[in-house]
Amino acid sequence: MTSEIIITTGARLHFGLLSHGNATGRRYGGVGLMVDRPGCEVAICRAETDEVVASTETVAERTQTFLDGYRANCPSEFQPGACRIEVRRALPSHGGFGSGTQLGLAIAQGLALLAGEGTVDTVALAGRVGRGARSAVGIHGFARGGLLVDGGQADETSIGVLISRLEFPAAWRFLLVTPSETEGLSGDSEHEAFARLEPMPTETTAELSRLLMTGLLPAVVEADFDVASESLYEYGLLVGEYFAPCQGGVFASGLMASLAAGLRTQGVPGVAQTSWGPTLCVLCVDEVSAESLRSELAGDVRFAACDMHVAAGMNTGAVIQMG
């Protein structure tokens, strides 16, 4: 009998939506990447009564919400019994890492295994814990990893369809820089922001699609760092200009806007915000370059207080260990 199930996953970077409120026939969509840091780890085992263990009350409450939602939505024949859920590592909230989706899916997959249902389709798991209202990059990324293109939702009740999944070059790294003074939008604030936005012009959607199809995606396939870097920046800039009325500019954080401008001036082109930010993603050609840049920024009084991670693309889905 399985004594403990451990689910480990990475973080989701989201470089921007493809559509919002326009007449393209699809809702949202977008492009993103799974990376190995920061990460999420959840351990689940049977218990006499339900117990949730987490490092903060916020994570514990979120975990309980996912557990309750899962029980309300999973098939009756696969209802999990009483269990102990320990969140050993949680992604930072409101940083642009897809923390809710990765935690929710880790819990859902662990509960399905605990109840004897086995490895369940990730889209079905997302429905049980209420994820996928807009972006599906993190849902598909949990299952498969890699660089992912979400084709968007057919309607408001569906989860975005995966239309492309690519291996991310093994040598490339992202330096992820998160300022302490700003949080990205989420929850009700995110919903209200989308409601206030004018529909994305179809011309913008067309240009974003062009940047993906003739820039970023082929550059990733061919490991063309220069083209990938510039395409990433141009894509993020266009998305940021659309969302500027809700986040105060192309970037959610003024500090990250100044960092992006400075890096571009220094010849580091591949800078983009993930989701609503405030985290800035800086594409580096290898780990040495990424660590060197991190050391440089850590020595700059303007950025010394930022949280920084050097992350590799995660080309596999979540890891499941059963003890």
C-alpha atoms as a PDB file:
ATOM      1  CA  MET A   1       0.000   0.000   0.000  1.00  0.00           C
ATOM      2  CA  THR A   2       1.261   3.467  -0.873  1.00  0.00           C
ATOM      3  CA  SER A   3       2.289   5.317   2.275  1.00  0.00           C
ATOM      4  CA  GLU A   4       3.079   8.719   0.789  1.00  0.00           C
ATOM      5  CA  ILE A   5       2.752  10.465  -2.563  1.00  0.00           C
ATOM      6  CA  ILE A   6       5.082  13.340  -3.384  1.00  0.00           C
ATOM      7  CA  ILE A   7       4.369  15.655  -6.320  1.00  0.00           C
ATOM      8  CA  THR A   8       7.072  18.090  -7.421  1.00  0.00           C
ATOM      9  CA  THR A   9       6.603  20.701 -10.117  1.00  0.00           C
ATOM     10  CA  GLY A  10       8.247  23.912 -11.281  1.00  0.00           C
ATOM     11  CA  ALA A  11       7.047  27.435 -11.994  1.00  0.00           C
ATOM     12  CA  ARG A  12       5.091  28.747 -14.951  1.00  0.00           C
ATOM     13  CA  LEU A  13       6.296  31.806 -16.835  1.00  0.00           C
ATOM     14  CA  HIS A  14       3.635  33.453 -18.983  1.00  0.00           C
ATOM     15  CA  PHE A  15       4.799  35.937 -21.607  1.00  0.00           C
ATOM     16  CA  GLY A  16       1.371  37.266 -22.516  1.00  0.00           C
ATOM     17  CA  LEU A  17      -2.069  36.564 -23.924  1.00  0.00           C
ATOM     18  CA  LEU A  18      -2.904  36.415 -27.616  1.00  0.00           C
ATOM     19  CA  SER A  19      -6.461  37.661 -27.449  1.00  0.00           C
ATOM     20  CA  HIS A  20      -9.003  39.328 -25.205  1.00  0.00           C
ATOM     21  CA  GLY A  21     -12.536  40.300 -26.104  1.00  0.00           C
ATOM     22  CA  ASN A  22     -11.976  40.489 -29.858  1.00  0.00           C
ATOM     23  CA  ALA A  23     -13.564  38.697 -32.778  1.00  0.00           C
ATOM     24  CA  THR A  24     -10.875  36.051 -33.357  1.00  0.00           C
ATOM     25  CA  GLY A  25     -13.190  33.249 -32.244  1.00  0.00           C
ATOM     26  CA  ARG A  26     -10.914  32.182 -29.357  1.00  0.00           C
ATOM     27  CA  ARG A  27     -10.537  33.568 -25.836  1.00  0.00           C
ATOM     28  CA  TYR A  28      -7.184  34.435 -24.233  1.00  0.00           C
ATOM     29  CA  GLY A  29      -4.517  31.950 -25.394  1.00  0.00           C
ATOM     30  CA  GLY A  30      -0.837  32.843 -25.049  1.00  0.00           C
ATOM     31  CA  VAL A  31       2.687  31.527 -24.722  1.00  0.00           C
ATOM     32  CA  GLY A  32       4.702  30.455 -21.702  1.00  0.00           C
ATOM     33  CA  LEU A  33       7.414  28.212 -20.335  1.00  0.00           C
ATOM     34  CA  MET A  34       7.831  25.859 -17.405  1.00  0.00           C
ATOM     35  CA  VAL A  35      11.035  26.424 -15.434  1.00  0.00           C
ATOM     36  CA  ASP A  36      12.613  24.423 -12.645  1.00  0.00           C
ATOM     37  CA  ARG A  37      12.870  27.263 -10.097  1.00  0.00           C
ATOM     38  CA  PRO A  38      11.210  28.320  -7.908  1.00  0.00           C
ATOM     39  CA  GLY A  39       9.339  25.082  -7.353  1.00  0.00           C
ATOM     40  CA  CYS A  40       6.414  23.476  -5.580  1.00  0.00           C
ATOM     41  CA  GLU A  41       6.414  20.199  -3.616  1.00  0.00           C
ATOM     42  CA  VAL A  42       3.395  18.560  -1.999  1.00  0.00           C
ATOM     43  CA  ALA A  43       3.282  15.332   0.047  1.00  0.00           C
ATOM     44  CA  ILE A  44      -0.026  13.508   0.610  1.00  0.00           C
ATOM     45  CA  CYS A  45      -0.779  10.441   2.714  1.00  0.00           C
ATOM     46  CA  ARG A  46      -3.735   8.766   4.364  1.00  0.00           C
ATOM     47  CA  ALA A  47      -4.697   9.934   7.853  1.00  0.00           C
ATOM     48  CA  GLU A  48      -7.383   9.486  10.491  1.00  0.00           C
ATOM     49  CA  THR A  49      -8.691  13.002   9.888  1.00  0.00           C
ATOM     50  CA  ASP A  50      -7.873  15.720   7.388  1.00  0.00           C
ATOM     51  CA  GLU A  51      -4.757  17.731   8.175  1.00  0.00           C
ATOM     52  CA  VAL A  52      -3.069  20.513   6.210  1.00  0.00           C
ATOM     53  CA  VAL A  53       0.519  21.519   6.959  1.00  0.00           C
ATOM     54  CA  ALA A  54       2.081  24.577   5.319  1.00  0.00           C
ATOM     55  CA  SER A  55       4.621  27.254   6.113  1.00  0.00           C
ATOM     56  CA  THR A  56       2.081  30.087   6.071  1.00  0.00           C
ATOM     57  CA  GLU A  57      -1.589  30.474   6.904  1.00  0.00           C
ATOM     58  CA  THR A  58      -2.270  31.750   3.385  1.00  0.00           C
ATOM     59  CA  VAL A  59      -0.871  28.601   1.764  1.00  0.00           C
ATOM     60  CA  ALA A  60      -2.719  26.419   4.283  1.00  0.00           C
ATOM     61  CA  GLU A  61      -6.031  28.149   3.511  1.00  0.00           C
ATOM     62  CA  ARG A  62      -5.456  27.840  -0.211  1.00  0.00           C
ATOM     63  CA  THR A  63      -4.636  24.150   0.187  1.00  0.00           C
ATOM     64  CA  GLN A  64      -7.834  23.551   2.161  1.00  0.00           C
ATOM     65  CA  THR A  65      -9.820  25.337  -0.566  1.00  0.00           C
ATOM     66  CA  PHE A  66      -8.335  23.063  -3.222  1.00  0.00           C
ATOM     67  CA  LEU A  67      -9.051  19.972  -1.104  1.00  0.00           C
ATOM     68  CA  ASP A  68     -12.673  21.028  -0.593  1.00  0.00           C
ATOM     69  CA  GLY A  69     -13.101  21.850  -4.275  1.00  0.00           C
ATOM     70  CA  TYR A  70     -11.606  18.540  -5.329  1.00  0.00           C
ATOM     71  CA  ARG A  71     -13.991  16.574  -3.134  1.00  0.00           C
ATOM     72  CA  ALA A  72     -16.950  18.544  -4.468  1.00  0.00           C
ATOM     73  CA  ASN A  73     -16.051  17.890  -8.100  1.00  0.00           C
ATOM     74  CA  CYS A  74     -14.417  14.467  -8.380  1.00  0.00           C
ATOM     75  CA  PRO A  75     -16.406  11.317  -9.306  1.00  0.00           C
ATOM     76  CA  SER A  76     -18.108   9.710  -6.321  1.00  0.00           C
ATOM     77  CA  GLU A  77     -16.348   6.376  -6.871  1.00  0.00           C
ATOM     78  CA  PHE A  78     -12.961   8.075  -6.509  1.00  0.00           C
ATOM     79  CA  GLN A  79     -13.604  10.241  -3.481  1.00  0.00           C
ATOM     80  CA  PRO A  80     -10.394  10.402  -1.419  1.00  0.00           C
ATOM     81  CA  GLY A  81     -10.558   9.482   2.220  1.00  0.00           C
ATOM     82  CA  ALA A  82      -9.157  11.497   5.103  1.00  0.00           C
ATOM     83  CA  CYS A  83      -5.634  12.663   4.330  1.00  0.00           C
ATOM     84  CA  ARG A  84      -2.683  14.711   5.444  1.00  0.00           C
ATOM     85  CA  ILE A  85      -1.437  17.275   2.914  1.00  0.00           C
ATOM     86  CA  GLU A  86       1.954  18.821   3.557  1.00  0.00           C
ATOM     87  CA  VAL A  87       3.046  21.693   1.313  1.00  0.00           C
ATOM     88  CA  ARG A  88       6.813  21.384   1.597  1.00  0.00           C
ATOM     89  CA  ARG A  89       7.532  24.112  -0.931  1.00  0.00           C
ATOM     90  CA  ALA A  90       5.119  26.665  -2.352  1.00  0.00           C
ATOM     91  CA  LEU A  91       5.693  29.071  -5.201  1.00  0.00           C
ATOM     92  CA  PRO A  92       5.679  32.769  -4.269  1.00  0.00           C
ATOM     93  CA  SER A  93       2.195  34.225  -4.668  1.00  0.00           C
ATOM     94  CA  HIS A  94       1.433  37.205  -6.917  1.00  0.00           C
ATOM     95  CA  GLY A  95       4.839  37.075  -8.617  1.00  0.00           C
ATOM     96  CA  GLY A  96       3.786  35.768 -12.029  1.00  0.00           C
ATOM     97  CA  PHE A  97       4.737  32.110 -11.408  1.00  0.00           C
ATOM     98  CA  GLY A  98       1.308  30.463 -11.635  1.00  0.00           C
ATOM     99  CA  SER A  99       1.433  29.484  -7.963  1.00  0.00           C
ATOM    100  CA  GLY A 100      -2.250  28.604  -7.618  1.00  0.00           C
ATOM    101  CA  THR A 101      -2.399  26.326 -10.639  1.00  0.00           C
ATOM    102  CA  GLN A 102       0.758  24.389  -9.767  1.00  0.00           C
ATOM    103  CA  LEU A 103      -0.305  23.913  -6.146  1.00  0.00           C
ATOM    104  CA  GLY A 104      -3.870  22.996  -7.090  1.00  0.00           C
ATOM    105  CA  LEU A 105      -2.814  20.449  -9.697  1.00  0.00           C
ATOM    106  CA  ALA A 106      -0.206  18.895  -7.411  1.00  0.00           C
ATOM    107  CA  ILE A 107      -2.868  18.408  -4.746  1.00  0.00           C
ATOM    108  CA  ALA A 108      -5.403  17.095  -7.269  1.00  0.00           C
ATOM    109  CA  GLN A 109      -3.015  14.552  -8.786  1.00  0.00           C
ATOM    110  CA  GLY A 110      -1.946  13.367  -5.351  1.00  0.00           C
ATOM    111  CA  LEU A 111      -5.556  12.915  -4.249  1.00  0.00           C
ATOM    112  CA  ALA A 112      -6.407  10.985  -7.423  1.00  0.00           C
ATOM    113  CA  LEU A 113      -3.515   8.614  -6.805  1.00  0.00           C
ATOM    114  CA  LEU A 114      -4.414   8.275  -3.133  1.00  0.00           C
ATOM    115  CA  ALA A 115      -7.968   7.252  -4.077  1.00  0.00           C
ATOM    116  CA  GLY A 116      -6.730   4.657  -6.568  1.00  0.00           C
ATOM    117  CA  GLU A 117      -7.841   6.553  -9.666  1.00  0.00           C
ATOM    118  CA  GLY A 118      -4.313   6.738 -11.048  1.00  0.00           C
ATOM    119  CA  THR A 119      -2.778   9.431 -13.235  1.00  0.00           C
ATOM    120  CA  VAL A 120      -5.704  11.566 -14.388  1.00  0.00           C
ATOM    121  CA  ASP A 121      -5.778  13.886 -17.421  1.00  0.00           C
ATOM    122  CA  THR A 122      -4.529  17.274 -16.269  1.00  0.00           C
ATOM    123  CA  VAL A 123      -7.405  19.179 -17.847  1.00  0.00           C
ATOM    124  CA  ALA A 124      -9.850  17.082 -15.805  1.00  0.00           C
ATOM    125  CA  LEU A 125      -7.814  17.724 -12.646  1.00  0.00           C
ATOM    126  CA  ALA A 126      -7.877  21.463 -13.353  1.00  0.00           C
ATOM    127  CA  GLY A 127     -11.657  21.373 -13.497  1.00  0.00           C
ATOM    128  CA  ARG A 128     -11.837  19.689 -10.102  1.00  0.00           C
ATOM    129  CA  VAL A 129      -9.807  22.438  -8.412  1.00  0.00           C
ATOM    130  CA  GLY A 130     -11.192  25.370 -10.387  1.00  0.00           C
ATOM    131  CA  ARG A 131      -8.181  26.311 -12.507  1.00  0.00           C
ATOM    132  CA  GLY A 132      -8.043  27.412 -16.152  1.00  0.00           C
ATOM    133  CA  ALA A 133     -10.520  30.292 -16.146  1.00  0.00           C
ATOM    134  CA  ARG A 134      -8.234  32.137 -18.570  1.00  0.00           C
ATOM    135  CA  SER A 135      -4.719  30.809 -19.228  1.00  0.00           C
ATOM    136  CA  ALA A 136      -4.063  27.095 -19.694  1.00  0.00           C
ATOM    137  CA  VAL A 137      -0.263  27.335 -20.039  1.00  0.00           C
ATOM    138  CA  GLY A 138       0.328  26.197 -16.463  1.00  0.00           C
ATOM    139  CA  ILE A 139      -2.160  23.339 -16.805  1.00  0.00           C
ATOM    140  CA  HIS A 140      -0.482  21.888 -19.879  1.00  0.00           C
ATOM    141  CA  GLY A 141       2.931  22.725 -18.428  1.00  0.00           C
ATOM    142  CA  PHE A 142       2.209  20.695 -15.300  1.00  0.00           C
ATOM    143  CA  ALA A 143       1.630  17.667 -17.508  1.00  0.00           C
ATOM    144  CA  ARG A 144       4.367  18.112 -20.107  1.00  0.00           C
ATOM    145  CA  GLY A 145       6.772  20.959 -19.346  1.00  0.00           C
ATOM    146  CA  GLY A 146       8.500  22.858 -22.153  1.00  0.00           C
ATOM    147  CA  LEU A 147       7.629  25.990 -24.120  1.00  0.00           C
ATOM    148  CA  LEU A 148       3.878  25.979 -24.674  1.00  0.00           C
ATOM    149  CA  VAL A 149       1.429  27.833 -26.881  1.00  0.00           C
ATOM    150  CA  ASP A 150      -2.138  27.934 -25.592  1.00  0.00           C
ATOM    151  CA  GLY A 151      -4.600  28.364 -28.500  1.00  0.00           C
ATOM    152  CA  GLY A 152      -7.257  29.786 -26.207  1.00  0.00           C
ATOM    153  CA  GLN A 153     -10.733  28.774 -25.126  1.00  0.00           C
ATOM    154  CA  ALA A 154     -13.543  27.894 -27.496  1.00  0.00           C
ATOM    155  CA  ASP A 155     -15.994  29.359 -24.952  1.00  0.00           C
ATOM    156  CA  GLU A 156     -16.046  30.562 -21.363  1.00  0.00           C
ATOM    157  CA  THR A 157     -16.569  27.074 -19.944  1.00  0.00           C
ATOM    158  CA  SER A 158     -13.639  25.383 -21.711  1.00  0.00           C
ATOM    159  CA  ILE A 159      -9.927  25.188 -20.928  1.00  0.00           C
ATOM    160  CA  GLY A 160      -7.489  26.547 -23.511  1.00  0.00           C
ATOM    161  CA  VAL A 161      -6.228  24.000 -26.021  1.00  0.00           C
ATOM    162  CA  LEU A 162      -2.518  23.219 -26.373  1.00  0.00           C
ATOM    163  CA  ILE A 163      -1.443  23.866 -29.979  1.00  0.00           C
ATOM    164  CA  SER A 164       2.346  23.726 -29.662  1.00  0.00           C
ATOM    165  CA  ARG A 165       4.849  22.295 -27.206  1.00  0.00           C
ATOM    166  CA  LEU A 166       8.614  22.646 -27.784  1.00  0.00           C
ATOM    167  CA  GLU A 167      11.705  21.500 -25.927  1.00  0.00           C
ATOM    168  CA  PHE A 168      13.470  24.548 -24.506  1.00  0.00           C
ATOM    169  CA  PRO A 169      17.232  24.670 -25.201  1.00  0.00           C
ATOM    170  CA  ALA A 170      19.006  22.946 -22.323  1.00  0.00           C
ATOM    171  CA  ALA A 171      21.828  25.479 -22.017  1.00  0.00           C
ATOM    172  CA  TRP A 172      19.674  28.607 -21.870  1.00  0.00           C
ATOM    173  CA  ARG A 173      18.702  30.115 -18.541  1.00  0.00           C
ATOM    174  CA  PHE A 174      16.330  32.743 -17.227  1.00  0.00           C
ATOM    175  CA  LEU A 175      17.333  35.137 -14.491  1.00  0.00           C
ATOM    176  CA  LEU A 176      14.078  35.848 -12.652  1.00  0.00           C
ATOM    177  CA  VAL A 177      14.047  39.117 -10.729  1.00  0.00           C
ATOM    178  CA  THR A 178      11.147  39.857  -8.378  1.00  0.00           C
ATOM    179  CA  PRO A 179      10.957  43.245  -6.630  1.00  0.00           C
ATOM    180  CA  SER A 180       9.582  43.444  -3.116  1.00  0.00           C
ATOM    181  CA  GLU A 181       7.500  46.603  -3.500  1.00  0.00           C
ATOM    182  CA  THR A 182       4.969  45.367  -6.076  1.00  0.00           C
ATOM    183  CA  GLU A 183       2.595  42.432  -6.494  1.00  0.00           C
ATOM    184  CA  GLY A 184       0.943  41.237  -9.679  1.00  0.00           C
ATOM    185  CA  LEU A 185      -2.839  41.256  -9.989  1.00  0.00           C
ATOM    186  CA  SER A 186      -4.809  38.167  -9.011  1.00  0.00           C
ATOM    187  CA  GLY A 187      -8.257  37.067  -7.926  1.00  0.00           C
ATOM    188  CA  ASP A 188     -10.948  39.754  -7.935  1.00  0.00           C
ATOM    189  CA  SER A 189      -8.464  42.472  -8.917  1.00  0.00           C
ATOM    190  CA  GLU A 190      -7.428  40.478 -11.989  1.00  0.00           C
ATOM    191  CA  HIS A 191     -11.054  39.846 -12.940  1.00  0.00           C
ATOM    192  CA  GLU A 192     -11.866  43.552 -12.622  1.00  0.00           C
ATOM    193  CA  ALA A 193      -8.822  44.466 -14.721  1.00  0.00           C
ATOM    194  CA  PHE A 194      -9.966  42.243 -17.577  1.00  0.00           C
ATOM    195  CA  ALA A 195     -13.463  43.719 -17.331  1.00  0.00           C
ATOM    196  CA  ARG A 196     -12.076  47.269 -17.680  1.00  0.00           C
ATOM    197  CA  LEU A 197      -9.881  46.545 -20.677  1.00  0.00           C
ATOM    198  CA  GLU A 198     -11.018  47.399 -24.169  1.00  0.00           C
ATOM    199  CA  PRO A 199     -10.973  44.421 -26.551  1.00  0.00           C
ATOM    200  CA  MET A 200      -7.510  43.645 -27.878  1.00  0.00           C
ATOM    201  CA  PRO A 201      -7.352  44.901 -31.484  1.00  0.00           C
ATOM    202  CA  THR A 202      -7.308  42.088 -34.019  1.00  0.00           C
ATOM    203  CA  GLU A 203      -4.199  43.713 -35.490  1.00  0.00           C
ATOM    204  CA  THR A 204      -2.432  43.218 -32.156  1.00  0.00           C
ATOM    205  CA  THR A 205      -3.441  39.553 -32.030  1.00  0.00           C
ATOM    206  CA  ALA A 206      -2.196  39.132 -35.605  1.00  0.00           C
ATOM    207  CA  GLU A 207       1.169  40.721 -34.804  1.00  0.00           C
ATOM    208  CA  LEU A 208       1.596  38.636 -31.656  1.00  0.00           C
ATOM    209  CA  SER A 209       0.866  35.519 -33.688  1.00  0.00           C
ATOM    210  CA  ARG A 210       3.430  36.572 -36.287  1.00  0.00           C
ATOM    211  CA  LEU A 211       6.072  37.121 -33.612  1.00  0.00           C
ATOM    212  CA  LEU A 212       5.433  33.596 -32.343  1.00  0.00           C
ATOM    213  CA  MET A 213       5.256  31.799 -35.671  1.00  0.00           C
ATOM    214  CA  THR A 214       8.122  33.551 -37.465  1.00  0.00           C
ATOM    215  CA  GLY A 215      10.217  34.584 -34.468  1.00  0.00           C
ATOM    216  CA  LEU A 216      10.156  32.905 -31.087  1.00  0.00           C
ATOM    217  CA  LEU A 217       9.059  29.363 -31.950  1.00  0.00           C
ATOM    218  CA  PRO A 218      11.464  28.667 -34.841  1.00  0.00           C
ATOM    219  CA  ALA A 219      14.267  30.355 -32.898  1.00  0.00           C
ATOM    220  CA  VAL A 220      13.692  27.969 -29.984  1.00  0.00           C
ATOM    221  CA  VAL A 221      13.673  24.967 -32.332  1.00  0.00           C
ATOM    222  CA  GLU A 222      16.965  26.111 -33.902  1.00  0.00           C
ATOM    223  CA  ALA A 223      18.441  27.348 -30.581  1.00  0.00           C
ATOM    224  CA  ASP A 224      18.939  30.798 -32.146  1.00  0.00           C
ATOM    225  CA  PHE A 225      19.496  32.807 -29.001  1.00  0.00           C
ATOM    226  CA  ASP A 226      19.603  36.254 -30.607  1.00  0.00           C
ATOM    227  CA  VAL A 227      16.341  35.887 -32.521  1.00  0.00           C
ATOM    228  CA  ALA A 228      14.612  34.252 -29.550  1.00  0.00           C
ATOM    229  CA  SER A 229      15.729  37.103 -27.273  1.00  0.00           C
ATOM    230  CA  GLU A 230      14.501  39.867 -29.548  1.00  0.00           C
ATOM    231  CA  SER A 231      11.231  38.068 -30.333  1.00  0.00           C
ATOM    232  CA  LEU A 232      10.561  37.560 -26.629  1.00  0.00           C
ATOM    233  CA  TYR A 233      11.095  41.249 -25.946  1.00  0.00           C
ATOM    234  CA  GLU A 234       8.937  42.411 -28.856  1.00  0.00           C
ATOM    235  CA  TYR A 235       6.129  40.036 -27.871  1.00  0.00           C
ATOM    236  CA  GLY A 236       6.222  41.183 -24.248  1.00  0.00           C
ATOM    237  CA  LEU A 237       6.394  44.842 -25.239  1.00  0.00           C
ATOM    238  CA  LEU A 238       3.278  44.577 -27.385  1.00  0.00           C
ATOM    239  CA  VAL A 239       1.351  42.717 -24.688  1.00  0.00           C
ATOM    240  CA  GLY A 240       2.578  45.173 -22.059  1.00  0.00           C
ATOM    241  CA  GLU A 241       1.383  48.153 -24.068  1.00  0.00           C
ATOM    242  CA  TYR A 242      -2.086  46.604 -24.234  1.00  0.00           C
ATOM    243  CA  PHE A 243      -2.201  45.941 -20.474  1.00  0.00           C
ATOM    244  CA  ALA A 244      -0.576  49.260 -19.509  1.00  0.00           C
ATOM    245  CA  PRO A 245      -3.878  50.891 -18.442  1.00  0.00           C
ATOM    246  CA  CYS A 246      -4.313  48.199 -15.778  1.00  0.00           C
ATOM    247  CA  GLN A 247      -0.745  47.782 -14.556  1.00  0.00           C
ATOM    248  CA  GLY A 248       0.577  51.337 -14.854  1.00  0.00           C
ATOM    249  CA  GLY A 249       2.883  50.818 -17.821  1.00  0.00           C
ATOM    250  CA  VAL A 250       4.457  48.170 -19.999  1.00  0.00           C
ATOM    251  CA  PHE A 251       5.841  46.643 -16.789  1.00  0.00           C
ATOM    252  CA  ALA A 252       3.934  46.409 -13.497  1.00  0.00           C
ATOM    253  CA  SER A 253       6.957  47.592 -11.521  1.00  0.00           C
ATOM    254  CA  GLY A 254       8.744  50.861 -12.203  1.00  0.00           C
ATOM    255  CA  LEU A 255      11.921  49.312 -10.832  1.00  0.00           C
ATOM    256  CA  MET A 256      11.684  46.415 -13.290  1.00  0.00           C
ATOM    257  CA  ALA A 257      10.958  48.856 -16.127  1.00  0.00           C
ATOM    258  CA  SER A 258      14.208  50.661 -15.356  1.00  0.00           C
ATOM    259  CA  LEU A 259      16.070  47.347 -15.140  1.00  0.00           C
ATOM    260  CA  ALA A 260      14.689  46.223 -18.503  1.00  0.00           C
ATOM    261  CA  ALA A 261      15.703  49.495 -20.136  1.00  0.00           C
ATOM    262  CA  GLY A 262      19.178  49.325 -18.618  1.00  0.00           C
ATOM    263  CA  LEU A 263      19.733  45.742 -19.729  1.00  0.00           C
ATOM    264  CA  ARG A 264      18.625  46.547 -23.262  1.00  0.00           C
ATOM    265  CA  THR A 265      21.106  49.417 -23.345  1.00  0.00           C
ATOM    266  CA  GLN A 266      23.855  47.021 -22.203  1.00  0.00           C
ATOM    267  CA  GLY A 267      23.068  44.611 -25.044  1.00  0.00           C
ATOM    268  CA  VAL A 268      20.869  42.148 -23.131  1.00  0.00           C
ATOM    269  CA  PRO A 269      17.771  42.086 -25.358  1.00  0.00           C
ATOM    270  CA  GLY A 270      15.655  39.215 -24.008  1.00  0.00           C
ATOM    271  CA  VAL A 271      13.656  40.815 -21.198  1.00  0.00           C
ATOM    272  CA  ALA A 272       9.952  40.228 -20.538  1.00  0.00           C
ATOM    273  CA  GLN A 273       7.462  40.287 -17.703  1.00  0.00           C
ATOM    274  CA  THR A 274       5.733  37.085 -16.650  1.00  0.00           C
ATOM    275  CA  SER A 275       1.941  37.362 -16.422  1.00  0.00           C
ATOM    276  CA  TRP A 276       0.899  40.422 -14.376  1.00  0.00           C
ATOM    277  CA  GLY A 277       4.404  40.550 -12.949  1.00  0.00           C
ATOM    278  CA  PRO A 278       6.100  42.018 -11.173  1.00  0.00           C
ATOM    279  CA  THR A 279       8.802  39.435 -11.956  1.00  0.00           C
ATOM    280  CA  LEU A 280      11.119  40.305 -14.836  1.00  0.00           C
ATOM    281  CA  CYS A 281      12.478  37.387 -16.899  1.00  0.00           C
ATOM    282  CA  VAL A 282      15.918  37.889 -18.446  1.00  0.00           C
ATOM    283  CA  LEU A 283      16.954  35.333 -21.069  1.00  0.00           C
ATOM    284  CA  CYS A 284      20.640  34.356 -20.771  1.00  0.00           C
ATOM    285  CA  VAL A 285      22.659  32.185 -23.131  1.00  0.00           C
ATOM    286  CA  ASP A 286      23.930  29.883 -20.359  1.00  0.00           C
ATOM    287  CA  GLU A 287      24.199  29.436 -16.605  1.00  0.00           C
ATOM    288  CA  VAL A 288      27.520  31.269 -16.328  1.00  0.00           C
ATOM    289  CA  SER A 289      26.026  34.369 -17.938  1.00  0.00           C
ATOM    290  CA  ALA A 290      22.934  34.181 -15.740  1.00  0.00           C
ATOM    291  CA  GLU A 291      24.931  33.801 -12.514  1.00  0.00           C
ATOM    292  CA  SER A 292      27.232  36.645 -13.540  1.00  0.00           C
ATOM    293  CA  LEU A 293      24.252  38.923 -14.112  1.00  0.00           C
ATOM    294  CA  ARG A 294      22.716  37.900 -10.809  1.00  0.00           C
ATOM    295  CA  SER A 295      25.941  38.776  -8.990  1.00  0.00           C
ATOM    296  CA  GLU A 296      26.069  42.116 -10.762  1.00  0.00           C
ATOM    297  CA  LEU A 297      22.504  43.009  -9.800  1.00  0.00           C
ATOM    298  CA  ALA A 298      22.957  41.798  -6.219  1.00  0.00           C
ATOM    299  CA  GLY A 299      25.786  44.307  -5.908  1.00  0.00           C
ATOM    300  CA  ASP A 300      23.601  47.179  -7.159  1.00  0.00           C
ATOM    301  CA  VAL A 301      21.828  48.961  -4.320  1.00  0.00           C
ATOM    302  CA  ARG A 302      18.730  49.439  -6.501  1.00  0.00           C
ATOM    303  CA  PHE A 303      18.195  45.707  -6.972  1.00  0.00           C
ATOM    304  CA  ALA A 304      19.926  44.143  -3.956  1.00  0.00           C
ATOM    305  CA  ALA A 305      16.619  43.555  -2.143  1.00  0.00           C
ATOM    306  CA  CYS A 306      15.031  41.751  -5.106  1.00  0.00           C
ATOM    307  CA  ASP A 307      14.437  38.030  -4.976  1.00  0.00           C
ATOM    308  CA  MET A 308      16.411  36.326  -7.775  1.00  0.00           C
ATOM    309  CA  HIS A 309      16.439  32.832  -9.248  1.00  0.00           C
ATOM    310  CA  VAL A 310      18.487  31.340 -12.068  1.00  0.00           C
ATOM    311  CA  ALA A 311      16.092  28.915 -13.744  1.00  0.00           C
ATOM    312  CA  ALA A 312      16.411  26.362 -16.527  1.00  0.00           C
ATOM    313  CA  GLY A 313      13.596  25.374 -18.824  1.00  0.00           C
ATOM    314  CA  MET A 314      11.732  22.381 -17.418  1.00  0.00           C
ATOM    315  CA  ASN A 315      11.127  19.999 -20.311  1.00  0.00           C
ATOM    316  CA  THR A 316       9.264  17.388 -18.290  1.00  0.00           C
ATOM    317  CA  GLY A 317       5.989  17.419 -16.445  1.00  0.00           C
ATOM    318  CA  ALA A 318       5.531  17.168 -12.687  1.00  0.00           C
ATOM    319  CA  VAL A 319       7.507  14.395 -10.975  1.00  0.00           C
ATOM    320  CA  ILE A 320       5.537  11.839  -8.985  1.00  0.00           C
ATOM    321  CA  GLN A 321       7.171   9.748  -6.243  1.00  0.00           C
ATOM    322  CA  MET A 322       5.233   7.029  -4.457  1.00  0.00           C
ATOM    323  CA  GLY A 323       6.560   5.568  -1.237  1.00  0.00           C
END
